[in-house]
Amino acid sequence: IKAYPVLKGYRTTPPADIPAIIEILLNTSRLVMEHPEIQELDLNPIMVYTKGAKTVDARIILE
């Protein structure tokens, strides 16, 4: 990931909660695998904090 150096912390910005990002990615993968009717999925933006992360908006297109 190109942004990895920024996620590790940049100048005065503290490091992001990388395990929280991984959790969002795994849960998203699980959701798509359990619901094959999902054709498209857009998560934007995903806000990542020093403790935790959350998806602010999601758009899901079904068959």
PDB file of N, CA and C in Angstrom:
ATOM      1  N   ILE A   1       0.860  -1.173   0.000  1.00  0.00           N
ATOM      2  CA  ILE A   1       0.000   0.000   0.000  1.00  0.00           C
ATOM      3  C   ILE A   1       0.902   1.230   0.000  1.00  0.00           C
ATOM      4  N   LYS A   2       0.689   2.105  -0.963  1.00  0.00           N
ATOM      5  CA  LYS A   2       1.507   3.312  -1.063  1.00  0.00           C
ATOM      6  C   LYS A   2       1.402   4.189   0.177  1.00  0.00           C
ATOM      7  N   ALA A   3       0.244   4.201   0.796  1.00  0.00           N
ATOM      8  CA  ALA A   3       0.011   5.081   1.945  1.00  0.00           C
ATOM      9  C   ALA A   3       0.545   4.516   3.256  1.00  0.00           C
ATOM     10  N   TYR A   4       1.148   3.334   3.215  1.00  0.00           N
ATOM     11  CA  TYR A   4       1.603   2.703   4.459  1.00  0.00           C
ATOM     12  C   TYR A   4       2.514   3.600   5.300  1.00  0.00           C
ATOM     13  N   PRO A   5       3.475   4.303   4.714  1.00  0.00           N
ATOM     14  CA  PRO A   5       4.308   5.184   5.548  1.00  0.00           C
ATOM     15  C   PRO A   5       3.488   6.241   6.297  1.00  0.00           C
ATOM     16  N   VAL A   6       2.436   6.729   5.677  1.00  0.00           N
ATOM     17  CA  VAL A   6       1.574   7.716   6.338  1.00  0.00           C
ATOM     18  C   VAL A   6       0.780   7.050   7.458  1.00  0.00           C
ATOM     19  N   LEU A   7       0.323   5.813   7.228  1.00  0.00           N
ATOM     20  CA  LEU A   7      -0.434   5.097   8.255  1.00  0.00           C
ATOM     21  C   LEU A   7       0.425   4.810   9.485  1.00  0.00           C
ATOM     22  N   LYS A   8       1.721   4.656   9.289  1.00  0.00           N
ATOM     23  CA  LYS A   8       2.628   4.400  10.413  1.00  0.00           C
ATOM     24  C   LYS A   8       2.881   5.655  11.244  1.00  0.00           C
ATOM     25  N   GLY A   9       2.424   6.790  10.770  1.00  0.00           N
ATOM     26  CA  GLY A   9       2.643   8.058  11.455  1.00  0.00           C
ATOM     27  C   GLY A   9       3.529   8.939  10.601  1.00  0.00           C
ATOM     28  N   TYR A  10       3.164  10.194  10.507  1.00  0.00           N
ATOM     29  CA  TYR A  10       3.890  11.112   9.635  1.00  0.00           C
ATOM     30  C   TYR A  10       4.024  12.447  10.336  1.00  0.00           C
ATOM     31  N   ARG A  11       5.249  12.887  10.517  1.00  0.00           N
ATOM     32  CA  ARG A  11       5.558  14.137  11.212  1.00  0.00           C
ATOM     33  C   ARG A  11       4.849  14.176  12.555  1.00  0.00           C
ATOM     34  N   THR A  12       3.860  15.054  12.702  1.00  0.00           N
ATOM     35  CA  THR A  12       3.166  15.160  13.999  1.00  0.00           C
ATOM     36  C   THR A  12       1.905  14.306  14.064  1.00  0.00           C
ATOM     37  N   THR A  13       1.587  13.600  12.982  1.00  0.00           N
ATOM     38  CA  THR A  13       0.392  12.755  12.954  1.00  0.00           C
ATOM     39  C   THR A  13       0.711  11.403  13.589  1.00  0.00           C
ATOM     40  N   PRO A  14      -0.086  10.983  14.569  1.00  0.00           N
ATOM     41  CA  PRO A  14       0.169   9.684  15.211  1.00  0.00           C
ATOM     42  C   PRO A  14      -0.174   8.530  14.268  1.00  0.00           C
ATOM     43  N   PRO A  15       0.337   7.339  14.550  1.00  0.00           N
ATOM     44  CA  PRO A  15       0.037   6.190  13.692  1.00  0.00           C
ATOM     45  C   PRO A  15      -1.442   5.820  13.718  1.00  0.00           C
ATOM     46  N   ALA A  16      -1.894   5.288  12.592  1.00  0.00           N
ATOM     47  CA  ALA A  16      -3.278   4.837  12.462  1.00  0.00           C
ATOM     48  C   ALA A  16      -3.422   3.455  13.088  1.00  0.00           C
ATOM     49  N   ASP A  17      -4.656   3.119  13.418  1.00  0.00           N
ATOM     50  CA  ASP A  17      -4.975   1.809  13.990  1.00  0.00           C
ATOM     51  C   ASP A  17      -5.067   0.793  12.847  1.00  0.00           C
ATOM     52  N   ILE A  18      -3.934   0.250  12.460  1.00  0.00           N
ATOM     53  CA  ILE A  18      -3.874  -0.677  11.326  1.00  0.00           C
ATOM     54  C   ILE A  18      -4.708  -1.938  11.564  1.00  0.00           C
ATOM     55  N   PRO A  19      -4.724  -2.527  12.763  1.00  0.00           N
ATOM     56  CA  PRO A  19      -5.624  -3.671  12.977  1.00  0.00           C
ATOM     57  C   PRO A  19      -7.100  -3.328  12.725  1.00  0.00           C
ATOM     58  N   ALA A  20      -7.507  -2.096  12.989  1.00  0.00           N
ATOM     59  CA  ALA A  20      -8.892  -1.697  12.716  1.00  0.00           C
ATOM     60  C   ALA A  20      -9.155  -1.657  11.214  1.00  0.00           C
ATOM     61  N   ILE A  21      -8.163  -1.233  10.436  1.00  0.00           N
ATOM     62  CA  ILE A  21      -8.295  -1.241   8.977  1.00  0.00           C
ATOM     63  C   ILE A  21      -8.430  -2.680   8.484  1.00  0.00           C
ATOM     64  N   ILE A  22      -7.603  -3.550   9.007  1.00  0.00           N
ATOM     65  CA  ILE A  22      -7.658  -4.967   8.627  1.00  0.00           C
ATOM     66  C   ILE A  22      -9.024  -5.551   8.963  1.00  0.00           C
ATOM     67  N   GLU A  23      -9.563  -5.189  10.112  1.00  0.00           N
ATOM     68  CA  GLU A  23     -10.885  -5.689  10.513  1.00  0.00           C
ATOM     69  C   GLU A  23     -11.967  -5.236   9.536  1.00  0.00           C
ATOM     70  N   ILE A  24     -11.921  -3.985   9.113  1.00  0.00           N
ATOM     71  CA  ILE A  24     -12.896  -3.496   8.133  1.00  0.00           C
ATOM     72  C   ILE A  24     -12.765  -4.274   6.828  1.00  0.00           C
ATOM     73  N   LEU A  25     -11.540  -4.488   6.376  1.00  0.00           N
ATOM     74  CA  LEU A  25     -11.330  -5.221   5.124  1.00  0.00           C
ATOM     75  C   LEU A  25     -11.815  -6.665   5.221  1.00  0.00           C
ATOM     76  N   LEU A  26     -11.516  -7.326   6.328  1.00  0.00           N
ATOM     77  CA  LEU A  26     -11.966  -8.711   6.505  1.00  0.00           C
ATOM     78  C   LEU A  26     -13.489  -8.798   6.603  1.00  0.00           C
ATOM     79  N   ASN A  27     -14.103  -7.882   7.348  1.00  0.00           N
ATOM     80  CA  ASN A  27     -15.564  -7.884   7.469  1.00  0.00           C
ATOM     81  C   ASN A  27     -16.232  -7.588   6.131  1.00  0.00           C
ATOM     82  N   THR A  28     -15.633  -6.700   5.344  1.00  0.00           N
ATOM     83  CA  THR A  28     -16.171  -6.396   4.018  1.00  0.00           C
ATOM     84  C   THR A  28     -16.072  -7.620   3.113  1.00  0.00           C
ATOM     85  N   SER A  29     -14.944  -8.302   3.155  1.00  0.00           N
ATOM     86  CA  SER A  29     -14.777  -9.530   2.366  1.00  0.00           C
ATOM     87  C   SER A  29     -15.789 -10.586   2.773  1.00  0.00           C
ATOM     88  N   ARG A  30     -15.986 -10.736   4.069  1.00  0.00           N
ATOM     89  CA  ARG A  30     -16.946 -11.711   4.584  1.00  0.00           C
ATOM     90  C   ARG A  30     -18.361 -11.365   4.106  1.00  0.00           C
ATOM     91  N   LEU A  31     -18.715 -10.091   4.161  1.00  0.00           N
ATOM     92  CA  LEU A  31     -20.036  -9.646   3.721  1.00  0.00           C
ATOM     93  C   LEU A  31     -20.269 -10.008   2.257  1.00  0.00           C
ATOM     94  N   VAL A  32     -19.286  -9.745   1.414  1.00  0.00           N
ATOM     95  CA  VAL A  32     -19.423 -10.029  -0.016  1.00  0.00           C
ATOM     96  C   VAL A  32     -19.499 -11.532  -0.271  1.00  0.00           C
ATOM     97  N   MET A  33     -18.731 -12.306   0.464  1.00  0.00           N
ATOM     98  CA  MET A  33     -18.773 -13.764   0.283  1.00  0.00           C
ATOM     99  C   MET A  33     -20.103 -14.356   0.733  1.00  0.00           C
ATOM    100  N   GLU A  34     -20.688 -13.802   1.786  1.00  0.00           N
ATOM    101  CA  GLU A  34     -21.951 -14.323   2.313  1.00  0.00           C
ATOM    102  C   GLU A  34     -23.163 -13.823   1.535  1.00  0.00           C
ATOM    103  N   HIS A  35     -22.974 -12.806   0.707  1.00  0.00           N
ATOM    104  CA  HIS A  35     -24.080 -12.226  -0.058  1.00  0.00           C
ATOM    105  C   HIS A  35     -23.663 -12.085  -1.521  1.00  0.00           C
ATOM    106  N   PRO A  36     -23.767 -13.172  -2.277  1.00  0.00           N
ATOM    107  CA  PRO A  36     -23.338 -13.130  -3.678  1.00  0.00           C
ATOM    108  C   PRO A  36     -24.171 -12.183  -4.545  1.00  0.00           C
ATOM    109  N   GLU A  37     -25.283 -11.710  -4.022  1.00  0.00           N
ATOM    110  CA  GLU A  37     -26.103 -10.760  -4.777  1.00  0.00           C
ATOM    111  C   GLU A  37     -25.470  -9.368  -4.841  1.00  0.00           C
ATOM    112  N   ILE A  38     -24.419  -9.138  -4.081  1.00  0.00           N
ATOM    113  CA  ILE A  38     -23.728  -7.849  -4.122  1.00  0.00           C
ATOM    114  C   ILE A  38     -22.905  -7.785  -5.402  1.00  0.00           C
ATOM    115  N   GLN A  39     -23.229  -6.795  -6.244  1.00  0.00           N
ATOM    116  CA  GLN A  39     -22.491  -6.596  -7.493  1.00  0.00           C
ATOM    117  C   GLN A  39     -21.381  -5.574  -7.311  1.00  0.00           C
ATOM    118  N   GLU A  40     -21.680  -4.516  -6.578  1.00  0.00           N
ATOM    119  CA  GLU A  40     -20.705  -3.454  -6.348  1.00  0.00           C
ATOM    120  C   GLU A  40     -20.769  -3.027  -4.899  1.00  0.00           C
ATOM    121  N   LEU A  41     -19.630  -2.590  -4.398  1.00  0.00           N
ATOM    122  CA  LEU A  41     -19.551  -2.114  -3.021  1.00  0.00           C
ATOM    123  C   LEU A  41     -18.540  -0.977  -2.984  1.00  0.00           C
ATOM    124  N   ASP A  42     -18.979   0.172  -2.511  1.00  0.00           N
ATOM    125  CA  ASP A  42     -18.106   1.336  -2.422  1.00  0.00           C
ATOM    126  C   ASP A  42     -18.136   1.849  -0.989  1.00  0.00           C
ATOM    127  N   LEU A  43     -17.001   1.833  -0.330  1.00  0.00           N
ATOM    128  CA  LEU A  43     -16.872   2.372   1.022  1.00  0.00           C
ATOM    129  C   LEU A  43     -16.022   3.631   0.916  1.00  0.00           C
ATOM    130  N   ASN A  44     -16.633   4.776   1.154  1.00  0.00           N
ATOM    131  CA  ASN A  44     -15.895   6.014   0.973  1.00  0.00           C
ATOM    132  C   ASN A  44     -16.548   7.144   1.746  1.00  0.00           C
ATOM    133  N   PRO A  45     -15.854   7.716   2.664  1.00  0.00           N
ATOM    134  CA  PRO A  45     -14.497   7.414   3.107  1.00  0.00           C
ATOM    135  C   PRO A  45     -14.490   6.429   4.275  1.00  0.00           C
ATOM    136  N   ILE A  46     -13.338   5.886   4.513  1.00  0.00           N
ATOM    137  CA  ILE A  46     -13.087   5.122   5.736  1.00  0.00           C
ATOM    138  C   ILE A  46     -12.200   6.005   6.604  1.00  0.00           C
ATOM    139  N   MET A  47     -12.693   6.360   7.755  1.00  0.00           N
ATOM    140  CA  MET A  47     -11.941   7.217   8.678  1.00  0.00           C
ATOM    141  C   MET A  47     -11.161   6.322   9.635  1.00  0.00           C
ATOM    142  N   VAL A  48      -9.875   6.571   9.732  1.00  0.00           N
ATOM    143  CA  VAL A  48      -9.006   5.762  10.582  1.00  0.00           C
ATOM    144  C   VAL A  48      -8.415   6.667  11.649  1.00  0.00           C
ATOM    145  N   TYR A  49      -8.513   6.211  12.870  1.00  0.00           N
ATOM    146  CA  TYR A  49      -8.034   6.981  14.011  1.00  0.00           C
ATOM    147  C   TYR A  49      -6.889   6.232  14.689  1.00  0.00           C
ATOM    148  N   THR A  50      -6.353   6.806  15.736  1.00  0.00           N
ATOM    149  CA  THR A  50      -5.303   6.109  16.484  1.00  0.00           C
ATOM    150  C   THR A  50      -5.877   4.893  17.192  1.00  0.00           C
ATOM    151  N   LYS A  51      -7.155   4.953  17.522  1.00  0.00           N
ATOM    152  CA  LYS A  51      -7.862   3.812  18.109  1.00  0.00           C
ATOM    153  C   LYS A  51      -9.189   3.672  17.389  1.00  0.00           C
ATOM    154  N   GLY A  52      -9.224   2.745  16.445  1.00  0.00           N
ATOM    155  CA  GLY A  52     -10.467   2.469  15.740  1.00  0.00           C
ATOM    156  C   GLY A  52     -10.511   3.042  14.334  1.00  0.00           C
ATOM    157  N   ALA A  53     -11.539   2.616  13.614  1.00  0.00           N
ATOM    158  CA  ALA A  53     -11.795   3.077  12.253  1.00  0.00           C
ATOM    159  C   ALA A  53     -13.272   2.871  11.979  1.00  0.00           C
ATOM    160  N   LYS A  54     -13.816   3.676  11.066  1.00  0.00           N
ATOM    161  CA  LYS A  54     -15.222   3.496  10.717  1.00  0.00           C
ATOM    162  C   LYS A  54     -15.450   3.897   9.273  1.00  0.00           C
ATOM    163  N   THR A  55     -16.416   3.236   8.675  1.00  0.00           N
ATOM    164  CA  THR A  55     -16.845   3.581   7.331  1.00  0.00           C
ATOM    165  C   THR A  55     -17.914   4.644   7.464  1.00  0.00           C
ATOM    166  N   VAL A  56     -17.701   5.774   6.822  1.00  0.00           N
ATOM    167  CA  VAL A  56     -18.636   6.890   6.936  1.00  0.00           C
ATOM    168  C   VAL A  56     -19.811   6.714   5.983  1.00  0.00           C
ATOM    169  N   ASP A  57     -19.540   6.220   4.788  1.00  0.00           N
ATOM    170  CA  ASP A  57     -20.595   6.067   3.792  1.00  0.00           C
ATOM    171  C   ASP A  57     -20.337   4.793   2.993  1.00  0.00           C
ATOM    172  N   ALA A  58     -21.401   4.106   2.655  1.00  0.00           N
ATOM    173  CA  ALA A  58     -21.281   2.891   1.850  1.00  0.00           C
ATOM    174  C   ALA A  58     -22.371   2.886   0.787  1.00  0.00           C
ATOM    175  N   ARG A  59     -21.995   2.429  -0.400  1.00  0.00           N
ATOM    176  CA  ARG A  59     -22.962   2.270  -1.484  1.00  0.00           C
ATOM    177  C   ARG A  59     -22.857   0.826  -1.945  1.00  0.00           C
ATOM    178  N   ILE A  60     -23.989   0.123  -1.905  1.00  0.00           N
ATOM    179  CA  ILE A  60     -24.022  -1.286  -2.291  1.00  0.00           C
ATOM    180  C   ILE A  60     -25.033  -1.444  -3.417  1.00  0.00           C
ATOM    181  N   ILE A  61     -24.604  -2.070  -4.492  1.00  0.00           N
ATOM    182  CA  ILE A  61     -25.495  -2.353  -5.616  1.00  0.00           C
ATOM    183  C   ILE A  61     -25.701  -3.861  -5.673  1.00  0.00           C
ATOM    184  N   LEU A  62     -26.982  -4.255  -5.662  1.00  0.00           N
ATOM    185  CA  LEU A  62     -27.355  -5.672  -5.688  1.00  0.00           C
ATOM    186  C   LEU A  62     -27.786  -6.072  -7.088  1.00  0.00           C
ATOM    187  N   GLU A  63     -27.729  -7.378  -7.360  1.00  0.00           N
ATOM    188  CA  GLU A  63     -28.222  -7.910  -8.639  1.00  0.00           C
ATOM    189  C   GLU A  63     -29.695  -7.693  -8.751  1.00  0.00           C
TER     190      GLU A  63
END
